[in-house]
Amino acid sequence: MTDTRRRAFALLSCRGAHCPRRASCPPRGLDSGPDTKRVSPFFSPAGRTVGAEEDGSQQDVLGADFPRRRLHPPFHCPDMSPSPAVPTSVERVKAADVKVIAALGDSLTTAIGANGSTVFSIPFEFRQVSWSIGGYGTYQNVITLANIFKLFNPKLLGPSPAMTLHGHPATVEETGFNFAVTGHNTLNVSDQIRHMIDTFKSYPGLNFREDWKVVTILIGMNDICDYCKNNIPRTIVNVVQILPMKPLREVQKPTLGCQLQKRFCSCLVQPEEDSPELKELVELNHEFQRRLEKLLHSQRFFKKDFAVVLQPYLENAGPARFPDGTVDPSFFTADCFHFTVKGHEELAKGLWNNMFQPEGEKQRIKTLSEPVELICPPKEHPYIYTKPRVLSSAPALKHLSATLASLLSLFVLVDFL
């Protein structure tokens, strides 16, 4: 067996400190790049094909068992140029003005298991195809927010280039500016923020004060630390509204991995239908959405060179369903909770569209059964919308529980350190 093959197999059966931390192999069923051939049966981290007969169970992780996909059609807009001069106002930032992209969150952003179909893929974080930050190939290979921005600025800093392994240290060369950590909750996000800012300040070629940045956050469930004192200059923060979680109870697959959902999301899965416990959880889900909306629809988190914007496209989103009403399992990984690449692409398109839709006109996805149609920045307003609707959030905050109030304060990323 060659060294390349040993590296690939070691990644898939790693134990202890000697486990390789990176695999930049092509995602399952995707082309390996605009100038390369279609994906072969199995790719090692170095990209060399490994015979399918050598280990069938390991093929799932690196991309053998998914039908080959066609390239997405090209996406072009009439105006894909940057502003004549670097904008100084957060209200005048075009897509091509964005120099840096980053993401914070949990396993939905690390894209755990996203490119696999069995339980063997669950420990792997397919960051390179993550909806908000994945940088694999081009837009035509896989649709992510980063790959859309790359169409406007090919020199964009931050897209995630590779797959990582949960629980093993990884460098910024492996993760890009995907600072999400599988298993983190809001209590841990302050650590992600510190890591992000420290990286921004020291990363070669990044001008912390001058470069415009887009940061996307999707996380939530537990209480967290309070907010502090200084915002990040020239930054637009996307806070993505959480999804309705009850439909996840319907996701079923005849896999061992599907049983994992009962362990890490027992509060959702175990209560009986129509039980008081389930009703309470559903109401908490809705209340979180309402409070987050009240908090962010104000001028409190809007400054000349910094804005926090609620992107509500997932607020009412239901899972993709077959004509008979059952949930389409192809959108979910083997654990019946996280999204596959198919789901990540829809999340990416919905986020991009919301960024170029004004407050009050932002699209809300009804169901993932209907593919999101990507839009171009409008000719009359080619800038990312950042100005909030003016509503006072102070009365709402007085009635929040300590847990929810602190959770919302971290989401907005304001006043750090």
Protein backbone atom coordinates (compact mmCIF):
# COMPACT_ATOMS: atom_id res chain seq x y z
CA MET A 1 0.00 0.00 0.00
CA THR A 2 1.33 3.44 -0.90
CA ASP A 3 1.91 6.22 1.60
CA THR A 4 -1.06 8.09 0.14
CA ARG A 5 -3.35 5.15 0.75
CA ARG A 6 -2.03 4.66 4.26
CA ARG A 7 -2.81 8.32 5.01
CA ALA A 8 -6.37 7.93 3.76
CA PHE A 9 -7.03 4.77 5.73
CA ALA A 10 -5.35 6.22 8.81
CA LEU A 11 -7.72 9.17 8.70
CA LEU A 12 -10.70 6.85 8.63
CA SER A 13 -9.56 4.64 11.49
CA CYS A 14 -7.50 7.13 13.48
CA ARG A 15 -6.74 6.63 17.12
CA GLY A 16 -4.70 8.71 19.52
CA ALA A 17 -2.39 11.55 18.75
CA HIS A 18 -1.17 10.21 15.42
CA CYS A 19 -4.44 10.68 13.60
CA PRO A 20 -4.11 12.91 10.51
CA ARG A 21 -6.09 16.11 10.93
CA ARG A 22 -6.88 17.04 7.38
CA ALA A 23 -8.45 15.58 4.31
CA SER A 24 -8.97 17.88 1.39
CA CYS A 25 -10.59 15.24 -0.78
CA PRO A 26 -13.50 16.11 -3.06
CA PRO A 27 -16.96 15.97 -1.51
CA ARG A 28 -19.11 13.00 -2.20
CA GLY A 29 -20.53 13.07 -5.69
CA LEU A 30 -18.94 16.40 -6.59
CA ASP A 31 -16.38 17.27 -9.18
CA SER A 32 -12.90 17.75 -7.79
CA GLY A 33 -12.63 21.17 -9.40
CA PRO A 34 -13.38 23.03 -12.58
CA ASP A 35 -10.29 21.70 -14.35
CA THR A 36 -10.28 18.12 -13.11
CA LYS A 37 -12.11 14.92 -13.83
CA ARG A 38 -15.13 13.54 -12.06
CA VAL A 39 -14.77 11.99 -8.64
CA SER A 40 -13.35 8.48 -8.75
CA PRO A 41 -14.50 5.73 -6.39
CA PHE A 42 -12.41 6.85 -3.41
CA PHE A 43 -10.06 9.74 -2.80
CA SER A 44 -7.26 9.93 -0.30
CA PRO A 45 -6.35 13.24 1.37
CA ALA A 46 -3.82 13.82 -1.39
CA GLY A 47 -6.46 13.23 -4.04
CA ARG A 48 -5.18 9.88 -5.33
CA THR A 49 -7.77 7.28 -6.22
CA VAL A 50 -7.92 4.24 -3.97
CA GLY A 51 -9.48 1.04 -5.21
CA ALA A 52 -13.02 0.52 -4.06
CA GLU A 53 -12.27 -3.10 -3.33
CA GLU A 54 -9.79 -2.19 -0.59
CA ASP A 55 -12.30 -1.03 2.02
CA GLY A 56 -15.98 -0.59 1.26
CA SER A 57 -16.97 0.79 4.66
CA GLN A 58 -14.44 3.61 4.42
CA GLN A 59 -15.61 4.80 1.02
CA ASP A 60 -18.64 6.47 2.54
CA VAL A 61 -16.60 9.09 4.34
CA LEU A 62 -14.56 10.24 1.39
CA GLY A 63 -17.17 10.00 -1.27
CA ALA A 64 -17.81 6.74 -3.08
CA ASP A 65 -21.46 5.87 -2.60
CA PHE A 66 -23.27 9.03 -3.65
CA PRO A 67 -24.53 9.43 -7.22
CA ARG A 68 -22.32 11.73 -9.27
CA ARG A 69 -23.81 15.17 -9.55
CA ARG A 70 -23.96 17.53 -12.45
CA LEU A 71 -22.28 20.88 -12.12
CA HIS A 72 -24.57 23.70 -11.12
CA PRO A 73 -25.19 26.12 -13.99
CA PRO A 74 -23.10 29.30 -13.92
CA PHE A 75 -24.40 32.23 -11.90
CA HIS A 76 -23.83 35.72 -13.27
CA CYS A 77 -25.15 39.14 -12.30
CA PRO A 78 -25.17 42.36 -14.37
CA ASP A 79 -22.98 44.11 -11.80
CA MET A 80 -20.31 42.04 -10.05
CA SER A 81 -17.81 44.87 -9.57
CA PRO A 82 -16.60 46.42 -6.31
CA SER A 83 -17.25 50.00 -5.31
CA PRO A 84 -14.90 52.60 -6.88
CA ALA A 85 -13.43 53.21 -3.43
CA VAL A 86 -13.53 51.12 -0.26
CA PRO A 87 -16.84 52.04 1.40
CA THR A 88 -16.79 53.61 4.84
CA SER A 89 -20.48 53.06 5.60
CA VAL A 90 -21.97 49.69 6.46
CA GLU A 91 -24.93 50.69 4.27
CA ARG A 92 -22.83 50.91 1.11
CA VAL A 93 -21.07 47.53 1.02
CA LYS A 94 -21.42 45.56 -2.22
CA ALA A 95 -20.75 41.84 -2.49
CA ALA A 96 -17.43 42.47 -4.25
CA ASP A 97 -16.34 44.80 -1.44
CA VAL A 98 -16.27 41.93 1.05
CA LYS A 99 -12.69 40.78 1.62
CA VAL A 100 -13.18 38.33 4.50
CA ILE A 101 -15.78 35.68 5.36
CA ALA A 102 -16.08 33.83 8.66
CA ALA A 103 -18.51 31.66 10.61
CA LEU A 104 -19.27 30.80 14.23
CA GLY A 105 -21.49 28.07 15.58
CA ASP A 106 -21.81 24.38 16.23
CA SER A 107 -22.09 21.14 14.28
CA LEU A 108 -24.48 22.65 11.73
CA THR A 109 -21.64 24.94 10.67
CA THR A 110 -18.80 22.41 10.98
CA ALA A 111 -21.04 20.34 8.64
CA ILE A 112 -20.54 17.16 10.58
CA GLY A 113 -21.40 14.09 8.51
CA ALA A 114 -22.63 16.28 5.65
CA ASN A 115 -20.92 14.33 2.91
CA GLY A 116 -21.49 10.83 4.21
CA SER A 117 -24.42 8.46 4.39
CA THR A 118 -23.60 6.07 7.24
CA VAL A 119 -22.66 6.34 10.89
CA PHE A 120 -18.98 6.05 9.91
CA SER A 121 -19.11 9.62 8.58
CA ILE A 122 -20.47 11.23 11.75
CA PRO A 123 -17.06 12.05 13.34
CA PHE A 124 -15.97 13.89 10.18
CA GLU A 125 -16.54 17.61 9.77
CA PHE A 126 -17.02 18.45 6.11
CA ARG A 127 -16.18 22.11 6.57
CA GLN A 128 -15.32 22.52 2.89
CA VAL A 129 -19.03 22.18 1.99
CA SER A 130 -20.52 24.01 4.97
CA TRP A 131 -23.43 26.24 3.91
CA SER A 132 -22.04 29.54 5.25
CA ILE A 133 -18.26 29.12 4.85
CA GLY A 134 -17.36 26.09 2.68
CA GLY A 135 -14.79 26.85 0.00
CA TYR A 136 -14.57 23.58 -1.90
CA GLY A 137 -14.11 24.05 -5.64
CA THR A 138 -16.36 26.71 -7.10
CA TYR A 139 -20.02 27.69 -7.03
CA GLN A 140 -20.63 25.18 -9.79
CA ASN A 141 -19.22 22.37 -7.64
CA VAL A 142 -21.12 23.15 -4.45
CA ILE A 143 -23.24 26.15 -3.47
CA THR A 144 -22.09 27.81 -0.27
CA LEU A 145 -22.23 31.44 0.82
CA ALA A 146 -18.45 31.64 0.49
CA ASN A 147 -18.49 30.22 -3.03
CA ILE A 148 -21.13 32.75 -4.05
CA PHE A 149 -19.02 35.59 -2.68
CA LYS A 150 -16.00 34.15 -4.52
CA LEU A 151 -17.82 34.86 -7.78
CA PHE A 152 -17.70 38.55 -6.87
CA ASN A 153 -14.27 38.51 -5.21
CA PRO A 154 -12.06 35.52 -6.15
CA LYS A 155 -9.47 36.65 -3.57
CA LEU A 156 -11.91 36.26 -0.67
CA LEU A 157 -10.15 35.28 2.57
CA GLY A 158 -11.59 32.65 4.90
CA PRO A 159 -13.47 29.88 3.01
CA SER A 160 -12.96 26.46 4.58
CA PRO A 161 -10.73 24.31 2.34
CA ALA A 162 -10.82 20.90 3.98
CA MET A 163 -12.41 18.20 6.07
CA THR A 164 -11.45 17.90 9.74
CA LEU A 165 -12.02 15.31 12.43
CA HIS A 166 -14.14 16.11 15.47
CA GLY A 167 -12.11 16.25 18.66
CA HIS A 168 -8.74 16.66 16.96
CA PRO A 169 -6.90 19.99 16.77
CA ALA A 170 -6.90 21.71 13.40
CA THR A 171 -5.10 24.77 12.07
CA VAL A 172 -6.54 27.77 10.26
CA GLU A 173 -5.00 26.37 7.06
CA GLU A 174 -7.38 23.44 7.50
CA THR A 175 -10.50 25.16 8.79
CA GLY A 176 -10.24 28.53 7.08
CA PHE A 177 -12.19 31.08 9.11
CA ASN A 178 -14.77 28.50 10.15
CA PHE A 179 -14.40 28.91 13.91
CA ALA A 180 -17.41 26.74 14.73
CA VAL A 181 -16.85 23.80 17.06
CA THR A 182 -18.95 20.65 17.07
CA GLY A 183 -20.70 20.31 20.41
CA HIS A 184 -20.34 23.96 21.39
CA ASN A 185 -23.27 25.86 22.76
CA THR A 186 -23.66 29.54 23.42
CA LEU A 187 -21.58 29.30 26.57
CA ASN A 188 -18.57 28.46 24.40
CA VAL A 189 -19.04 31.00 21.63
CA SER A 190 -17.06 33.69 23.43
CA ASP A 191 -14.03 31.45 22.91
CA GLN A 192 -14.81 31.28 19.20
CA ILE A 193 -15.06 35.06 19.05
CA ARG A 194 -11.70 35.53 20.73
CA HIS A 195 -10.14 33.01 18.36
CA MET A 196 -11.67 34.80 15.38
CA ILE A 197 -10.47 38.26 16.40
CA ASP A 198 -6.98 37.04 17.27
CA THR A 199 -6.79 35.32 13.87
CA PHE A 200 -8.04 38.40 12.03
CA LYS A 201 -5.44 40.59 13.69
CA SER A 202 -2.52 38.31 12.83
CA TYR A 203 -3.50 36.68 9.53
CA PRO A 204 -1.18 37.60 6.63
CA GLY A 205 -2.85 39.79 4.04
CA LEU A 206 -5.85 40.70 6.23
CA ASN A 207 -6.26 44.32 7.26
CA PHE A 208 -8.27 44.15 10.47
CA ARG A 209 -9.26 47.83 10.42
CA GLU A 210 -9.89 48.35 6.71
CA ASP A 211 -11.19 45.07 5.21
CA TRP A 212 -14.94 44.49 5.12
CA LYS A 213 -15.96 41.21 6.76
CA VAL A 214 -19.08 39.04 6.75
CA VAL A 215 -19.54 36.81 9.79
CA THR A 216 -22.42 34.30 10.02
CA ILE A 217 -23.73 32.81 13.26
CA LEU A 218 -26.18 29.95 13.73
CA ILE A 219 -26.19 28.51 17.24
CA GLY A 220 -28.39 28.37 20.27
CA MET A 221 -29.71 26.47 23.21
CA ASN A 222 -27.97 27.33 26.49
CA ASP A 223 -27.04 30.37 28.54
CA ILE A 224 -23.81 32.22 27.85
CA CYS A 225 -21.60 35.00 29.10
CA ASP A 226 -22.55 38.63 28.93
CA TYR A 227 -21.47 40.93 26.14
CA CYS A 228 -18.53 43.30 26.52
CA LYS A 229 -17.20 46.47 25.02
CA ASN A 230 -15.80 46.93 21.52
CA ASN A 231 -17.20 45.86 18.15
CA ILE A 232 -15.16 44.48 15.25
CA PRO A 233 -14.51 47.24 12.67
CA ARG A 234 -16.04 47.02 9.21
CA THR A 235 -18.07 43.92 9.92
CA ILE A 236 -21.52 42.71 8.93
CA VAL A 237 -22.83 39.96 11.19
CA ASN A 238 -25.52 37.63 9.89
CA VAL A 239 -27.55 36.16 12.75
CA VAL A 240 -29.55 33.34 11.22
CA GLN A 241 -32.90 32.66 12.84
CA ILE A 242 -33.17 29.13 14.20
CA LEU A 243 -35.46 26.61 12.52
CA PRO A 244 -38.68 25.10 13.84
CA MET A 245 -37.32 21.93 15.42
CA LYS A 246 -40.40 19.78 15.90
CA PRO A 247 -40.40 18.34 12.32
CA LEU A 248 -37.01 16.75 13.05
CA ARG A 249 -38.96 14.17 15.07
CA GLU A 250 -40.22 12.81 11.76
CA VAL A 251 -36.81 12.14 10.20
CA GLN A 252 -36.38 8.40 10.06
CA LYS A 253 -33.67 6.22 8.59
CA PRO A 254 -33.00 2.51 9.13
CA THR A 255 -29.55 3.30 10.46
CA LEU A 256 -27.69 2.98 13.73
CA GLY A 257 -26.81 6.64 13.45
CA CYS A 258 -30.48 7.62 13.60
CA GLN A 259 -30.59 6.26 17.13
CA LEU A 260 -27.99 8.86 18.13
CA GLN A 261 -30.64 11.56 17.83
CA LYS A 262 -32.35 10.12 20.90
CA ARG A 263 -29.22 10.78 22.91
CA PHE A 264 -28.08 14.26 21.84
CA CYS A 265 -31.56 15.69 21.32
CA SER A 266 -33.62 13.63 23.77
CA CYS A 267 -35.75 16.60 24.85
CA LEU A 268 -37.06 16.82 21.29
CA VAL A 269 -37.30 13.17 20.35
CA GLN A 270 -38.48 11.35 23.46
CA PRO A 271 -41.67 13.20 24.54
CA GLU A 272 -44.93 11.73 23.32
CA GLU A 273 -46.87 13.59 20.65
CA ASP A 274 -49.20 16.20 22.21
CA SER A 275 -47.50 15.79 25.57
CA PRO A 276 -47.04 18.85 27.83
CA GLU A 277 -43.27 18.41 27.54
CA LEU A 278 -43.33 18.62 23.75
CA LYS A 279 -45.71 21.60 23.76
CA GLU A 280 -43.39 23.42 26.14
CA LEU A 281 -40.41 22.77 23.86
CA VAL A 282 -42.26 24.00 20.78
CA GLU A 283 -43.31 27.16 22.61
CA LEU A 284 -39.72 27.75 23.74
CA ASN A 285 -38.62 27.42 20.10
CA HIS A 286 -41.16 30.08 19.03
CA GLU A 287 -40.40 32.34 21.99
CA PHE A 288 -36.70 32.28 21.19
CA GLN A 289 -37.47 33.36 17.63
CA ARG A 290 -39.76 36.17 18.79
CA ARG A 291 -37.32 37.56 21.34
CA LEU A 292 -34.40 37.42 18.93
CA GLU A 293 -36.43 39.35 16.36
CA LYS A 294 -37.42 42.03 18.90
CA LEU A 295 -33.86 42.43 20.06
CA LEU A 296 -32.29 42.82 16.63
CA HIS A 297 -34.96 45.02 15.05
CA SER A 298 -33.53 48.14 16.60
CA GLN A 299 -30.74 50.64 16.07
CA ARG A 300 -28.89 49.30 19.08
CA PHE A 301 -26.56 47.10 17.03
CA PHE A 302 -26.19 49.37 14.04
CA LYS A 303 -23.17 51.67 13.73
CA LYS A 304 -21.41 53.40 10.88
CA ASP A 305 -19.03 50.49 10.20
CA PHE A 306 -20.73 47.62 12.06
CA ALA A 307 -24.13 45.99 11.84
CA VAL A 308 -25.87 42.90 13.15
CA VAL A 309 -28.63 41.70 10.84
CA LEU A 310 -31.25 39.07 11.54
CA GLN A 311 -31.70 36.82 8.51
CA PRO A 312 -35.10 35.12 9.02
CA TYR A 313 -35.28 32.78 6.03
CA LEU A 314 -35.36 29.62 8.18
CA GLU A 315 -37.96 30.90 10.62
CA ASN A 316 -40.82 28.83 9.16
CA ALA A 317 -38.82 26.35 7.09
CA GLY A 318 -40.21 22.87 6.96
CA PRO A 319 -38.22 19.82 5.85
CA ALA A 320 -38.35 18.53 2.30
CA ARG A 321 -41.13 15.99 1.88
CA PHE A 322 -42.20 13.38 -0.61
CA PRO A 323 -45.66 13.65 -2.25
CA ASP A 324 -47.06 11.34 0.44
CA GLY A 325 -45.99 13.79 3.15
CA THR A 326 -43.11 11.82 4.60
CA VAL A 327 -39.80 13.60 5.18
CA ASP A 328 -37.19 13.23 2.44
CA PRO A 329 -34.23 11.65 4.30
CA SER A 330 -31.73 12.62 1.58
CA PHE A 331 -31.47 16.07 3.20
CA PHE A 332 -30.24 14.57 6.48
CA THR A 333 -27.09 12.78 7.54
CA ALA A 334 -27.03 9.32 9.09
CA ASP A 335 -27.77 10.77 12.54
CA CYS A 336 -31.15 12.09 11.29
CA PHE A 337 -30.40 15.59 12.61
CA HIS A 338 -27.67 17.35 10.62
CA PHE A 339 -27.91 18.40 6.98
CA THR A 340 -26.26 16.72 4.02
CA VAL A 341 -24.68 18.79 1.23
CA LYS A 342 -28.14 18.95 -0.32
CA GLY A 343 -29.47 20.80 2.71
CA HIS A 344 -26.36 22.97 3.10
CA GLU A 345 -26.80 24.31 -0.43
CA GLU A 346 -30.36 25.44 0.27
CA LEU A 347 -29.24 27.15 3.49
CA ALA A 348 -26.50 28.98 1.58
CA LYS A 349 -28.85 30.25 -1.13
CA GLY A 350 -31.44 31.40 1.39
CA LEU A 351 -28.84 33.34 3.36
CA TRP A 352 -27.43 35.06 0.27
CA ASN A 353 -30.92 36.13 -0.84
CA ASN A 354 -31.80 37.54 2.60
CA MET A 355 -28.64 39.65 2.57
CA PHE A 356 -29.89 41.52 -0.50
CA GLN A 357 -33.50 41.88 0.61
CA PRO A 358 -34.64 44.85 2.74
CA GLU A 359 -36.19 44.57 6.15
CA GLY A 360 -39.84 43.60 5.78
CA GLU A 361 -39.24 41.93 2.41
CA LYS A 362 -36.84 39.17 3.39
CA GLN A 363 -37.77 35.80 1.97
CA ARG A 364 -38.87 33.07 4.37
CA ILE A 365 -38.53 29.52 3.12
CA LYS A 366 -41.71 27.48 3.54
CA THR A 367 -40.25 24.10 2.72
CA LEU A 368 -36.93 22.73 1.54
CA SER A 369 -38.93 20.75 -1.02
CA GLU A 370 -38.87 23.85 -3.20
CA PRO A 371 -35.29 24.75 -4.26
CA VAL A 372 -34.33 28.34 -3.47
CA GLU A 373 -33.82 30.51 -6.54
CA LEU A 374 -30.64 32.56 -6.17
CA ILE A 375 -31.03 36.31 -6.78
CA CYS A 376 -28.61 38.99 -7.94
CA PRO A 377 -28.07 42.18 -5.91
CA PRO A 378 -30.74 44.60 -7.17
CA LYS A 379 -29.54 47.23 -9.63
CA GLU A 380 -31.24 50.01 -7.67
CA HIS A 381 -29.59 48.87 -4.41
CA PRO A 382 -26.52 46.67 -5.03
CA TYR A 383 -25.50 46.77 -1.36
CA ILE A 384 -25.96 44.31 1.48
CA TYR A 385 -28.99 45.47 3.49
CA THR A 386 -27.99 46.36 7.04
CA LYS A 387 -30.32 49.13 8.24
CA PRO A 388 -32.77 47.77 10.83
CA ARG A 389 -36.37 48.71 11.27
CA VAL A 390 -36.49 51.10 14.20
CA LEU A 391 -38.16 49.36 17.12
CA SER A 392 -37.20 49.66 20.76
CA SER A 393 -36.13 46.34 22.22
CA ALA A 394 -35.63 47.54 25.79
CA PRO A 395 -39.09 46.54 27.16
CA ALA A 396 -38.71 43.04 25.74
CA LEU A 397 -35.32 42.58 27.35
CA LYS A 398 -36.74 43.34 30.80
CA HIS A 399 -38.99 40.32 30.61
CA LEU A 400 -36.45 37.86 29.26
CA SER A 401 -35.17 35.08 31.44
CA ALA A 402 -31.53 35.40 32.38
CA THR A 403 -30.69 32.46 30.15
CA LEU A 404 -32.42 33.80 27.05
CA ALA A 405 -31.20 37.35 27.58
CA SER A 406 -27.60 36.26 27.81
CA LEU A 407 -28.04 33.97 24.84
CA LEU A 408 -29.34 36.76 22.67
CA SER A 409 -26.59 39.12 23.80
CA LEU A 410 -23.94 36.75 22.48
CA PHE A 411 -25.72 36.17 19.19
CA VAL A 412 -25.30 39.77 18.23
CA LEU A 413 -21.55 39.74 18.77
CA VAL A 414 -21.60 43.34 19.88
CA ASP A 415 -19.25 44.93 22.39
CA PHE A 416 -16.61 42.27 22.45
CA LEU A 417 -13.80 42.74 24.99
